[in-house]
Amino acid sequence: VVGTSRYGQNLYEVVNAIKSSNPGSMAVVFGGPYAGLIEICKRQGVDAKELFDVVVNTIPNQGTATVRTEEALVATLALLNVLLRG
């Protein structure tokens, strides 16, 4: 299970760990329009590290406080597709 957050690790730092796990399937979790993934977890009293195998930032240096979920979805899935299938 992969979480996405602007506070996550750079994708290149964790791609080898993801590849070596040889995932047959993968769930990718995004934040919402009013709160990011880390904020949602904190609000529920849960550490994101407990819920996700890895939390990645797929849009580093985004230059804005938030990225719209639909933009993050396309960017993240495109990166994961190239890195895991390439």
PDB file of N, CA and C in Angstrom:
ATOM      1  N   VAL A   1       0.853  -1.171   0.000  1.00  0.00           N
ATOM      2  CA  VAL A   1       0.000   0.000   0.000  1.00  0.00           C
ATOM      3  C   VAL A   1       0.899   1.233   0.000  1.00  0.00           C
ATOM      4  N   VAL A   2       0.687   2.103  -0.978  1.00  0.00           N
ATOM      5  CA  VAL A   2       1.490   3.307  -1.142  1.00  0.00           C
ATOM      6  C   VAL A   2       0.630   4.521  -0.831  1.00  0.00           C
ATOM      7  N   GLY A   3       1.092   5.337   0.097  1.00  0.00           N
ATOM      8  CA  GLY A   3       0.441   6.603   0.395  1.00  0.00           C
ATOM      9  C   GLY A   3       1.165   7.714  -0.325  1.00  0.00           C
ATOM     10  N   THR A   4       0.449   8.774  -0.664  1.00  0.00           N
ATOM     11  CA  THR A   4       1.068   9.917  -1.334  1.00  0.00           C
ATOM     12  C   THR A   4       0.893  11.161  -0.478  1.00  0.00           C
ATOM     13  N   SER A   5       1.973  11.926  -0.357  1.00  0.00           N
ATOM     14  CA  SER A   5       1.938  13.135   0.455  1.00  0.00           C
ATOM     15  C   SER A   5       3.105  14.028   0.080  1.00  0.00           C
ATOM     16  N   ARG A   6       2.905  15.333   0.205  1.00  0.00           N
ATOM     17  CA  ARG A   6       4.023  16.252  -0.025  1.00  0.00           C
ATOM     18  C   ARG A   6       5.104  16.072   1.034  1.00  0.00           C
ATOM     19  N   TYR A   7       4.776  15.399   2.139  1.00  0.00           N
ATOM     20  CA  TYR A   7       5.737  15.126   3.205  1.00  0.00           C
ATOM     21  C   TYR A   7       6.405  13.758   3.046  1.00  0.00           C
ATOM     22  N   GLY A   8       6.054  13.033   2.002  1.00  0.00           N
ATOM     23  CA  GLY A   8       6.609  11.699   1.784  1.00  0.00           C
ATOM     24  C   GLY A   8       8.018  11.732   1.236  1.00  0.00           C
ATOM     25  N   GLN A   9       8.589  10.545   1.123  1.00  0.00           N
ATOM     26  CA  GLN A   9       9.927  10.405   0.565  1.00  0.00           C
ATOM     27  C   GLN A   9       9.883  10.614  -0.943  1.00  0.00           C
ATOM     28  N   ASN A  10      11.008  11.001  -1.500  1.00  0.00           N
ATOM     29  CA  ASN A  10      11.128  11.107  -2.944  1.00  0.00           C
ATOM     30  C   ASN A  10      10.918   9.729  -3.546  1.00  0.00           C
ATOM     31  N   LEU A  11      10.193   9.649  -4.639  1.00  0.00           N
ATOM     32  CA  LEU A  11       9.886   8.359  -5.263  1.00  0.00           C
ATOM     33  C   LEU A  11      11.149   7.585  -5.616  1.00  0.00           C
ATOM     34  N   TYR A  12      12.180   8.274  -6.065  1.00  0.00           N
ATOM     35  CA  TYR A  12      13.418   7.594  -6.445  1.00  0.00           C
ATOM     36  C   TYR A  12      14.111   6.949  -5.252  1.00  0.00           C
ATOM     37  N   GLU A  13      13.846   7.436  -4.051  1.00  0.00           N
ATOM     38  CA  GLU A  13      14.440   6.850  -2.853  1.00  0.00           C
ATOM     39  C   GLU A  13      13.794   5.516  -2.497  1.00  0.00           C
ATOM     40  N   VAL A  14      12.557   5.307  -2.909  1.00  0.00           N
ATOM     41  CA  VAL A  14      11.829   4.107  -2.503  1.00  0.00           C
ATOM     42  C   VAL A  14      11.472   3.175  -3.647  1.00  0.00           C
ATOM     43  N   VAL A  15      11.780   3.563  -4.880  1.00  0.00           N
ATOM     44  CA  VAL A  15      11.366   2.736  -6.012  1.00  0.00           C
ATOM     45  C   VAL A  15      12.007   1.351  -5.963  1.00  0.00           C
ATOM     46  N   ASN A  16      13.245   1.244  -5.521  1.00  0.00           N
ATOM     47  CA  ASN A  16      13.886  -0.077  -5.451  1.00  0.00           C
ATOM     48  C   ASN A  16      13.202  -0.973  -4.427  1.00  0.00           C
ATOM     49  N   ALA A  17      12.778  -0.387  -3.319  1.00  0.00           N
ATOM     50  CA  ALA A  17      12.058  -1.172  -2.314  1.00  0.00           C
ATOM     51  C   ALA A  17      10.723  -1.643  -2.867  1.00  0.00           C
ATOM     52  N   ILE A  18      10.053  -0.792  -3.623  1.00  0.00           N
ATOM     53  CA  ILE A  18       8.772  -1.180  -4.223  1.00  0.00           C
ATOM     54  C   ILE A  18       8.984  -2.267  -5.265  1.00  0.00           C
ATOM     55  N   LYS A  19       9.995  -2.083  -6.120  1.00  0.00           N
ATOM     56  CA  LYS A  19      10.288  -3.085  -7.153  1.00  0.00           C
ATOM     57  C   LYS A  19      10.682  -4.428  -6.546  1.00  0.00           C
ATOM     58  N   SER A  20      11.505  -4.406  -5.498  1.00  0.00           N
ATOM     59  CA  SER A  20      11.994  -5.652  -4.915  1.00  0.00           C
ATOM     60  C   SER A  20      10.894  -6.425  -4.202  1.00  0.00           C
ATOM     61  N   SER A  21       9.821  -5.743  -3.824  1.00  0.00           N
ATOM     62  CA  SER A  21       8.714  -6.455  -3.186  1.00  0.00           C
ATOM     63  C   SER A  21       7.904  -7.230  -4.212  1.00  0.00           C
ATOM     64  N   ASN A  22       8.179  -6.994  -5.513  1.00  0.00           N
ATOM     65  CA  ASN A  22       7.523  -7.691  -6.615  1.00  0.00           C
ATOM     66  C   ASN A  22       6.003  -7.692  -6.448  1.00  0.00           C
ATOM     67  N   PRO A  23       5.425  -6.497  -6.419  1.00  0.00           N
ATOM     68  CA  PRO A  23       3.986  -6.418  -6.156  1.00  0.00           C
ATOM     69  C   PRO A  23       3.145  -6.983  -7.292  1.00  0.00           C
ATOM     70  N   GLY A  24       2.234  -7.872  -6.952  1.00  0.00           N
ATOM     71  CA  GLY A  24       1.275  -8.362  -7.927  1.00  0.00           C
ATOM     72  C   GLY A  24       0.130  -7.380  -8.063  1.00  0.00           C
ATOM     73  N   SER A  25      -0.091  -6.632  -6.997  1.00  0.00           N
ATOM     74  CA  SER A  25      -1.093  -5.570  -7.007  1.00  0.00           C
ATOM     75  C   SER A  25      -0.636  -4.484  -6.050  1.00  0.00           C
ATOM     76  N   MET A  26      -1.195  -3.309  -6.230  1.00  0.00           N
ATOM     77  CA  MET A  26      -0.777  -2.180  -5.414  1.00  0.00           C
ATOM     78  C   MET A  26      -1.975  -1.268  -5.200  1.00  0.00           C
ATOM     79  N   ALA A  27      -2.109  -0.763  -4.005  1.00  0.00           N
ATOM     80  CA  ALA A  27      -3.105   0.259  -3.708  1.00  0.00           C
ATOM     81  C   ALA A  27      -2.364   1.572  -3.510  1.00  0.00           C
ATOM     82  N   VAL A  28      -2.865   2.626  -4.125  1.00  0.00           N
ATOM     83  CA  VAL A  28      -2.276   3.952  -3.983  1.00  0.00           C
ATOM     84  C   VAL A  28      -3.335   4.845  -3.354  1.00  0.00           C
ATOM     85  N   VAL A  29      -2.960   5.519  -2.253  1.00  0.00           N
ATOM     86  CA  VAL A  29      -3.906   6.312  -1.473  1.00  0.00           C
ATOM     87  C   VAL A  29      -3.522   7.787  -1.553  1.00  0.00           C
ATOM     88  N   PHE A  30      -4.530   8.617  -1.799  1.00  0.00           N
ATOM     89  CA  PHE A  30      -4.336  10.054  -1.929  1.00  0.00           C
ATOM     90  C   PHE A  30      -5.105  10.774  -0.823  1.00  0.00           C
ATOM     91  N   GLY A  31      -4.723  12.011  -0.563  1.00  0.00           N
ATOM     92  CA  GLY A  31      -5.473  12.843   0.364  1.00  0.00           C
ATOM     93  C   GLY A  31      -6.723  13.367  -0.322  1.00  0.00           C
ATOM     94  N   GLY A  32      -7.414  14.261   0.357  1.00  0.00           N
ATOM     95  CA  GLY A  32      -8.645  14.812  -0.185  1.00  0.00           C
ATOM     96  C   GLY A  32      -8.529  16.289  -0.484  1.00  0.00           C
ATOM     97  N   PRO A  33      -9.630  16.911  -0.901  1.00  0.00           N
ATOM     98  CA  PRO A  33      -9.591  18.321  -1.276  1.00  0.00           C
ATOM     99  C   PRO A  33      -9.387  19.276  -0.096  1.00  0.00           C
ATOM    100  N   TYR A  34      -9.664  18.817   1.119  1.00  0.00           N
ATOM    101  CA  TYR A  34      -9.552  19.710   2.279  1.00  0.00           C
ATOM    102  C   TYR A  34      -8.436  19.332   3.241  1.00  0.00           C
ATOM    103  N   ALA A  35      -7.849  18.156   3.064  1.00  0.00           N
ATOM    104  CA  ALA A  35      -6.769  17.721   3.946  1.00  0.00           C
ATOM    105  C   ALA A  35      -5.914  16.694   3.222  1.00  0.00           C
ATOM    106  N   GLY A  36      -4.612  16.761   3.454  1.00  0.00           N
ATOM    107  CA  GLY A  36      -3.704  15.795   2.878  1.00  0.00           C
ATOM    108  C   GLY A  36      -3.741  14.482   3.654  1.00  0.00           C
ATOM    109  N   LEU A  37      -3.079  13.500   3.124  1.00  0.00           N
ATOM    110  CA  LEU A  37      -3.076  12.158   3.710  1.00  0.00           C
ATOM    111  C   LEU A  37      -2.539  12.151   5.143  1.00  0.00           C
ATOM    112  N   ILE A  38      -1.448  12.848   5.373  1.00  0.00           N
ATOM    113  CA  ILE A  38      -0.847  12.893   6.715  1.00  0.00           C
ATOM    114  C   ILE A  38      -1.801  13.567   7.694  1.00  0.00           C
ATOM    115  N   GLU A  39      -2.433  14.659   7.265  1.00  0.00           N
ATOM    116  CA  GLU A  39      -3.376  15.359   8.132  1.00  0.00           C
ATOM    117  C   GLU A  39      -4.587  14.483   8.456  1.00  0.00           C
ATOM    118  N   ILE A  40      -5.068  13.748   7.478  1.00  0.00           N
ATOM    119  CA  ILE A  40      -6.199  12.849   7.702  1.00  0.00           C
ATOM    120  C   ILE A  40      -5.829  11.773   8.718  1.00  0.00           C
ATOM    121  N   CYS A  41      -4.644  11.203   8.570  1.00  0.00           N
ATOM    122  CA  CYS A  41      -4.191  10.173   9.514  1.00  0.00           C
ATOM    123  C   CYS A  41      -4.068  10.743  10.925  1.00  0.00           C
ATOM    124  N   LYS A  42      -3.462  11.925  11.046  1.00  0.00           N
ATOM    125  CA  LYS A  42      -3.305  12.556  12.355  1.00  0.00           C
ATOM    126  C   LYS A  42      -4.656  12.816  13.005  1.00  0.00           C
ATOM    127  N   ARG A  43      -5.613  13.276  12.215  1.00  0.00           N
ATOM    128  CA  ARG A  43      -6.951  13.550  12.740  1.00  0.00           C
ATOM    129  C   ARG A  43      -7.596  12.283  13.306  1.00  0.00           C
ATOM    130  N   GLN A  44      -7.261  11.133  12.722  1.00  0.00           N
ATOM    131  CA  GLN A  44      -7.799   9.858  13.185  1.00  0.00           C
ATOM    132  C   GLN A  44      -6.945   9.236  14.288  1.00  0.00           C
ATOM    133  N   GLY A  45      -5.845   9.909  14.645  1.00  0.00           N
ATOM    134  CA  GLY A  45      -4.975   9.410  15.702  1.00  0.00           C
ATOM    135  C   GLY A  45      -4.099   8.244  15.276  1.00  0.00           C
ATOM    136  N   VAL A  46      -3.800   8.172  13.977  1.00  0.00           N
ATOM    137  CA  VAL A  46      -3.009   7.066  13.435  1.00  0.00           C
ATOM    138  C   VAL A  46      -1.772   7.631  12.747  1.00  0.00           C
ATOM    139  N   ASP A  47      -0.652   6.958  12.925  1.00  0.00           N
ATOM    140  CA  ASP A  47       0.568   7.326  12.230  1.00  0.00           C
ATOM    141  C   ASP A  47       0.521   6.715  10.827  1.00  0.00           C
ATOM    142  N   ALA A  48       0.781   7.523   9.810  1.00  0.00           N
ATOM    143  CA  ALA A  48       0.736   7.040   8.426  1.00  0.00           C
ATOM    144  C   ALA A  48       1.693   5.868   8.212  1.00  0.00           C
ATOM    145  N   LYS A  49       2.802   5.829   8.954  1.00  0.00           N
ATOM    146  CA  LYS A  49       3.763   4.738   8.803  1.00  0.00           C
ATOM    147  C   LYS A  49       3.170   3.400   9.210  1.00  0.00           C
ATOM    148  N   GLU A  50       2.125   3.430  10.047  1.00  0.00           N
ATOM    149  CA  GLU A  50       1.455   2.200  10.456  1.00  0.00           C
ATOM    150  C   GLU A  50       0.507   1.683   9.373  1.00  0.00           C
ATOM    151  N   LEU A  51      -0.028   2.593   8.573  1.00  0.00           N
ATOM    152  CA  LEU A  51      -1.031   2.212   7.577  1.00  0.00           C
ATOM    153  C   LEU A  51      -0.454   1.873   6.211  1.00  0.00           C
ATOM    154  N   PHE A  52       0.662   2.505   5.865  1.00  0.00           N
ATOM    155  CA  PHE A  52       1.200   2.376   4.509  1.00  0.00           C
ATOM    156  C   PHE A  52       2.589   1.772   4.528  1.00  0.00           C
ATOM    157  N   ASP A  53       2.873   0.986   3.515  1.00  0.00           N
ATOM    158  CA  ASP A  53       4.219   0.417   3.386  1.00  0.00           C
ATOM    159  C   ASP A  53       5.230   1.514   3.107  1.00  0.00           C
ATOM    160  N   VAL A  54       4.809   2.503   2.348  1.00  0.00           N
ATOM    161  CA  VAL A  54       5.672   3.628   2.019  1.00  0.00           C
ATOM    162  C   VAL A  54       4.777   4.836   1.729  1.00  0.00           C
ATOM    163  N   VAL A  55       5.280   6.027   2.083  1.00  0.00           N
ATOM    164  CA  VAL A  55       4.604   7.276   1.744  1.00  0.00           C
ATOM    165  C   VAL A  55       5.564   8.063   0.858  1.00  0.00           C
ATOM    166  N   VAL A  56       5.114   8.381  -0.351  1.00  0.00           N
ATOM    167  CA  VAL A  56       5.984   9.026  -1.328  1.00  0.00           C
ATOM    168  C   VAL A  56       5.447  10.389  -1.740  1.00  0.00           C
ATOM    169  N   ASN A  57       6.366  11.234  -2.151  1.00  0.00           N
ATOM    170  CA  ASN A  57       6.036  12.530  -2.739  1.00  0.00           C
ATOM    171  C   ASN A  57       6.344  12.405  -4.227  1.00  0.00           C
ATOM    172  N   THR A  58       5.326  12.280  -5.039  1.00  0.00           N
ATOM    173  CA  THR A  58       5.539  12.098  -6.472  1.00  0.00           C
ATOM    174  C   THR A  58       5.567  13.420  -7.231  1.00  0.00           C
ATOM    175  N   ILE A  59       5.331  14.534  -6.527  1.00  0.00           N
ATOM    176  CA  ILE A  59       5.405  15.854  -7.159  1.00  0.00           C
ATOM    177  C   ILE A  59       6.289  16.746  -6.287  1.00  0.00           C
ATOM    178  N   PRO A  60       7.598  16.452  -6.244  1.00  0.00           N
ATOM    179  CA  PRO A  60       8.484  17.265  -5.413  1.00  0.00           C
ATOM    180  C   PRO A  60       8.585  18.688  -5.958  1.00  0.00           C
ATOM    181  N   ASN A  61       8.890  19.624  -5.074  1.00  0.00           N
ATOM    182  CA  ASN A  61       9.021  21.037  -5.457  1.00  0.00           C
ATOM    183  C   ASN A  61       7.778  21.531  -6.177  1.00  0.00           C
ATOM    184  N   GLN A  62       6.626  21.172  -5.653  1.00  0.00           N
ATOM    185  CA  GLN A  62       5.369  21.456  -6.335  1.00  0.00           C
ATOM    186  C   GLN A  62       5.057  22.945  -6.441  1.00  0.00           C
ATOM    187  N   GLY A  63       5.661  23.766  -5.605  1.00  0.00           N
ATOM    188  CA  GLY A  63       5.493  25.201  -5.721  1.00  0.00           C
ATOM    189  C   GLY A  63       4.137  25.726  -5.273  1.00  0.00           C
ATOM    190  N   THR A  64       3.338  24.885  -4.653  1.00  0.00           N
ATOM    191  CA  THR A  64       2.033  25.280  -4.150  1.00  0.00           C
ATOM    192  C   THR A  64       1.739  24.471  -2.898  1.00  0.00           C
ATOM    193  N   ALA A  65       0.869  24.962  -2.057  1.00  0.00           N
ATOM    194  CA  ALA A  65       0.569  24.259  -0.802  1.00  0.00           C
ATOM    195  C   ALA A  65      -0.101  22.911  -1.068  1.00  0.00           C
ATOM    196  N   THR A  66      -0.959  22.859  -2.074  1.00  0.00           N
ATOM    197  CA  THR A  66      -1.657  21.611  -2.379  1.00  0.00           C
ATOM    198  C   THR A  66      -1.690  21.373  -3.883  1.00  0.00           C
ATOM    199  N   VAL A  67      -1.823  20.125  -4.243  1.00  0.00           N
ATOM    200  CA  VAL A  67      -2.013  19.720  -5.632  1.00  0.00           C
ATOM    201  C   VAL A  67      -3.385  19.069  -5.692  1.00  0.00           C
ATOM    202  N   ARG A  68      -4.160  19.420  -6.694  1.00  0.00           N
ATOM    203  CA  ARG A  68      -5.491  18.834  -6.819  1.00  0.00           C
ATOM    204  C   ARG A  68      -5.374  17.322  -6.971  1.00  0.00           C
ATOM    205  N   THR A  69      -6.307  16.607  -6.362  1.00  0.00           N
ATOM    206  CA  THR A  69      -6.254  15.145  -6.341  1.00  0.00           C
ATOM    207  C   THR A  69      -6.217  14.570  -7.750  1.00  0.00           C
ATOM    208  N   GLU A  70      -7.012  15.115  -8.653  1.00  0.00           N
ATOM    209  CA  GLU A  70      -7.026  14.576 -10.017  1.00  0.00           C
ATOM    210  C   GLU A  70      -5.698  14.792 -10.737  1.00  0.00           C
ATOM    211  N   GLU A  71      -4.982  15.864 -10.407  1.00  0.00           N
ATOM    212  CA  GLU A  71      -3.651  16.080 -10.970  1.00  0.00           C
ATOM    213  C   GLU A  71      -2.647  15.111 -10.357  1.00  0.00           C
ATOM    214  N   ALA A  72      -2.724  14.927  -9.047  1.00  0.00           N
ATOM    215  CA  ALA A  72      -1.825  14.001  -8.353  1.00  0.00           C
ATOM    216  C   ALA A  72      -2.046  12.572  -8.832  1.00  0.00           C
ATOM    217  N   LEU A  73      -3.284  12.215  -9.093  1.00  0.00           N
ATOM    218  CA  LEU A  73      -3.613  10.871  -9.568  1.00  0.00           C
ATOM    219  C   LEU A  73      -2.910  10.578 -10.889  1.00  0.00           C
ATOM    220  N   VAL A  74      -3.042  11.456 -11.845  1.00  0.00           N
ATOM    221  CA  VAL A  74      -2.424  11.251 -13.163  1.00  0.00           C
ATOM    222  C   VAL A  74      -0.903  11.214 -13.041  1.00  0.00           C
ATOM    223  N   ALA A  75      -0.336  12.173 -12.316  1.00  0.00           N
ATOM    224  CA  ALA A  75       1.122  12.232 -12.181  1.00  0.00           C
ATOM    225  C   ALA A  75       1.668  10.986 -11.490  1.00  0.00           C
ATOM    226  N   THR A  76       1.037  10.570 -10.421  1.00  0.00           N
ATOM    227  CA  THR A  76       1.514   9.432  -9.635  1.00  0.00           C
ATOM    228  C   THR A  76       1.395   8.127 -10.402  1.00  0.00           C
ATOM    229  N   LEU A  77       0.247   7.885 -11.003  1.00  0.00           N
ATOM    230  CA  LEU A  77       0.065   6.634 -11.747  1.00  0.00           C
ATOM    231  C   LEU A  77       0.981   6.565 -12.965  1.00  0.00           C
ATOM    232  N   ALA A  78       1.220   7.693 -13.612  1.00  0.00           N
ATOM    233  CA  ALA A  78       2.142   7.708 -14.745  1.00  0.00           C
ATOM    234  C   ALA A  78       3.558   7.344 -14.293  1.00  0.00           C
ATOM    235  N   LEU A  79       4.001   7.951 -13.197  1.00  0.00           N
ATOM    236  CA  LEU A  79       5.339   7.640 -12.687  1.00  0.00           C
ATOM    237  C   LEU A  79       5.473   6.187 -12.271  1.00  0.00           C
ATOM    238  N   LEU A  80       4.498   5.691 -11.530  1.00  0.00           N
ATOM    239  CA  LEU A  80       4.561   4.303 -11.079  1.00  0.00           C
ATOM    240  C   LEU A  80       4.531   3.335 -12.258  1.00  0.00           C
ATOM    241  N   ASN A  81       3.738   3.641 -13.264  1.00  0.00           N
ATOM    242  CA  ASN A  81       3.673   2.788 -14.441  1.00  0.00           C
ATOM    243  C   ASN A  81       5.032   2.721 -15.145  1.00  0.00           C
ATOM    244  N   VAL A  82       5.652   3.854 -15.359  1.00  0.00           N
ATOM    245  CA  VAL A  82       6.955   3.890 -16.039  1.00  0.00           C
ATOM    246  C   VAL A  82       8.029   3.200 -15.209  1.00  0.00           C
ATOM    247  N   LEU A  83       8.076   3.502 -13.911  1.00  0.00           N
ATOM    248  CA  LEU A  83       9.137   2.962 -13.069  1.00  0.00           C
ATOM    249  C   LEU A  83       8.989   1.471 -12.795  1.00  0.00           C
ATOM    250  N   LEU A  84       7.779   0.995 -12.675  1.00  0.00           N
ATOM    251  CA  LEU A  84       7.582  -0.412 -12.317  1.00  0.00           C
ATOM    252  C   LEU A  84       7.495  -1.323 -13.527  1.00  0.00           C
ATOM    253  N   ARG A  85       7.103  -0.803 -14.645  1.00  0.00           N
ATOM    254  CA  ARG A  85       6.979  -1.626 -15.857  1.00  0.00           C
ATOM    255  C   ARG A  85       8.172  -1.466 -16.790  1.00  0.00           C
ATOM    256  N   GLY A  86       8.933  -0.385 -16.592  1.00  0.00           N
ATOM    257  CA  GLY A  86      10.036  -0.080 -17.514  1.00  0.00           C
ATOM    258  C   GLY A  86      11.289  -0.821 -17.206  1.00  0.00           C
TER     259      GLY A  86
END
